[in-house]
C-alpha cells in the first residue's frame, strides 16, 4: 500500500499500535487525544496531535485542517452518554467528503460492549 495520511480520533493503546506501524511505513499520522499532556508526549513521536475530549474541538481550525487532509480516518474514541462523539461532532462533515478512501471504527467489546 502506498503511504498516505491517517487521521485518528482517539490515539489510545490500540489505535497507537496501528498508527505506529503505518508511520514506520511512511504514512503521515495525525489525530486526537484527551489531554494536553498526552498531546505533548505524542508530538515528540512525530504525530500531529489535537486535544479532543468528546465535547470540544469541533471548532478547532487546526484539527479541522488536519482532518480535511486525511483520506483515511479512524475513530477509536469511547462512546459517551450521548453516543459516539466523533459521529456527533464530525459525522455530517465526513459524510460530505468525496475524497475519503476509508473510514473505520476500532474498539473492544470487552470495554464498551454494552454501548
Protein backbone atom coordinates (compact mmCIF):
# COMPACT_ATOMS: atom_id res chain seq x y z
CA UNK A 1 0.00 0.00 0.00
CA UNK A 2 1.31 3.44 -0.90
CA UNK A 3 1.86 5.63 2.17
CA UNK A 4 -0.86 8.19 2.76
CA UNK A 5 -2.34 10.16 5.66
CA UNK A 6 -4.40 8.79 8.55
CA UNK A 7 -6.37 10.92 10.97
CA UNK A 8 -7.20 9.00 14.13
CA UNK A 9 -9.78 10.15 16.63
CA UNK A 10 -8.52 8.66 19.88
CA UNK A 11 -4.82 7.82 19.89
CA UNK A 12 -5.09 5.30 22.72
CA UNK A 13 -3.31 1.98 23.06
CA UNK A 14 -4.92 0.08 20.17
CA UNK A 15 -5.03 2.97 17.72
CA UNK A 16 -1.41 3.88 18.53
CA UNK A 17 -0.31 0.36 17.59
CA UNK A 18 -1.82 0.88 14.13
CA UNK A 19 -0.55 4.47 13.86
CA UNK A 20 2.98 3.43 14.78
CA UNK A 21 3.02 0.59 12.24
CA UNK A 22 1.76 2.90 9.49
CA UNK A 23 4.23 5.64 10.47
CA UNK A 24 7.08 3.14 10.03
CA UNK A 25 5.74 2.51 6.51
CA UNK A 26 5.95 6.21 5.65
CA UNK A 27 2.42 7.33 6.49
CA UNK A 28 1.66 10.75 7.93
CA UNK A 29 -0.32 10.42 11.16
CA UNK A 30 -2.47 12.99 12.88
CA UNK A 31 -5.20 12.60 15.42
CA UNK A 32 -6.60 13.35 18.82
CA UNK A 33 -6.07 12.58 22.47
CA UNK A 34 -7.89 13.76 25.59
CA UNK A 35 -5.36 15.95 27.39
CA UNK A 36 -2.62 18.47 26.60
CA UNK A 37 -0.14 16.28 28.48
CA UNK A 38 -0.90 13.27 26.26
CA UNK A 39 -0.68 15.52 23.21
CA UNK A 40 2.79 16.72 24.16
CA UNK A 41 4.05 13.15 24.59
CA UNK A 42 2.64 12.05 21.22
CA UNK A 43 4.03 15.12 19.44
CA UNK A 44 7.52 14.03 20.47
CA UNK A 45 6.82 10.86 18.49
CA UNK A 46 6.26 12.86 15.31
CA UNK A 47 2.46 12.80 15.34
CA UNK A 48 0.34 15.91 14.73
CA UNK A 49 -1.92 15.76 17.79
CA UNK A 50 -5.02 17.75 18.73
CA UNK A 51 -6.84 17.70 22.05
CA UNK A 52 -10.43 16.47 21.75
CA UNK A 53 -12.29 15.35 24.87
CA UNK A 54 -15.51 14.47 23.07
CA UNK A 55 -17.22 17.75 23.85
CA UNK A 56 -14.89 20.40 22.47
CA UNK A 57 -12.70 20.63 19.43
CA UNK A 58 -15.19 20.65 16.56
CA UNK A 59 -14.41 24.33 16.06
CA UNK A 60 -10.64 23.87 16.32
CA UNK A 61 -9.32 25.08 12.96
CA UNK A 62 -6.03 23.12 13.15
CA UNK A 63 -7.91 19.91 13.91
CA UNK A 64 -10.32 20.51 11.03
CA UNK A 65 -7.44 21.20 8.62
CA UNK A 66 -5.65 18.00 9.63
CA UNK A 67 -8.86 16.01 9.28
CA UNK A 68 -9.53 17.51 5.84
CA UNK A 69 -6.04 16.48 4.68
CA UNK A 70 -6.53 12.81 5.58
CA UNK A 71 -8.17 10.43 3.11
CA UNK A 72 -8.14 7.72 5.81
CA UNK A 73 -9.99 8.29 9.10
CA UNK A 74 -10.14 6.02 12.13
CA UNK A 75 -12.47 6.55 15.08
CA UNK A 76 -11.24 4.92 18.27
CA UNK A 77 -12.99 7.07 20.86
CA UNK A 78 -15.19 5.51 23.53
CA UNK A 79 -18.87 6.36 23.42
CA UNK A 80 -20.21 8.91 25.87
CA UNK A 81 -23.63 9.38 27.43
CA UNK A 82 -24.87 10.82 24.13
CA UNK A 83 -23.34 8.13 21.90
CA UNK A 84 -20.36 8.48 19.59
CA UNK A 85 -18.74 11.93 19.97
CA UNK A 86 -16.97 11.60 16.60
CA UNK A 87 -20.21 10.99 14.72
CA UNK A 88 -21.97 13.72 16.69
CA UNK A 89 -19.27 16.33 16.07
CA UNK A 90 -17.85 15.33 12.71
CA UNK A 91 -20.15 12.78 11.06
CA UNK A 92 -22.01 15.22 8.83
CA UNK A 93 -18.78 16.75 7.56
CA UNK A 94 -17.21 13.36 6.89
CA UNK A 95 -20.30 12.20 5.01
CA UNK A 96 -19.89 15.11 2.58
CA UNK A 97 -16.26 14.36 1.70
CA UNK A 98 -15.92 12.75 -1.73
CA UNK A 99 -12.15 12.33 -1.25
CA UNK A 100 -12.37 9.86 1.65
CA UNK A 101 -10.86 6.49 0.82
CA UNK A 102 -11.65 4.73 4.08
CA UNK A 103 -13.35 5.38 7.43
CA UNK A 104 -13.17 2.82 10.21
CA UNK A 105 -14.05 2.26 13.85
CA UNK A 106 -11.76 0.48 16.31
CA UNK A 107 -12.85 -0.51 19.79
CA UNK A 108 -13.24 -3.51 22.01
CA UNK A 109 -16.47 -5.16 23.06
CA UNK A 110 -14.72 -6.12 26.29
CA UNK A 111 -14.78 -2.48 27.38
CA UNK A 112 -17.72 -0.91 25.56
CA UNK A 113 -19.84 -3.88 24.57
CA UNK A 114 -22.99 -2.56 26.20
CA UNK A 115 -22.97 0.75 24.30
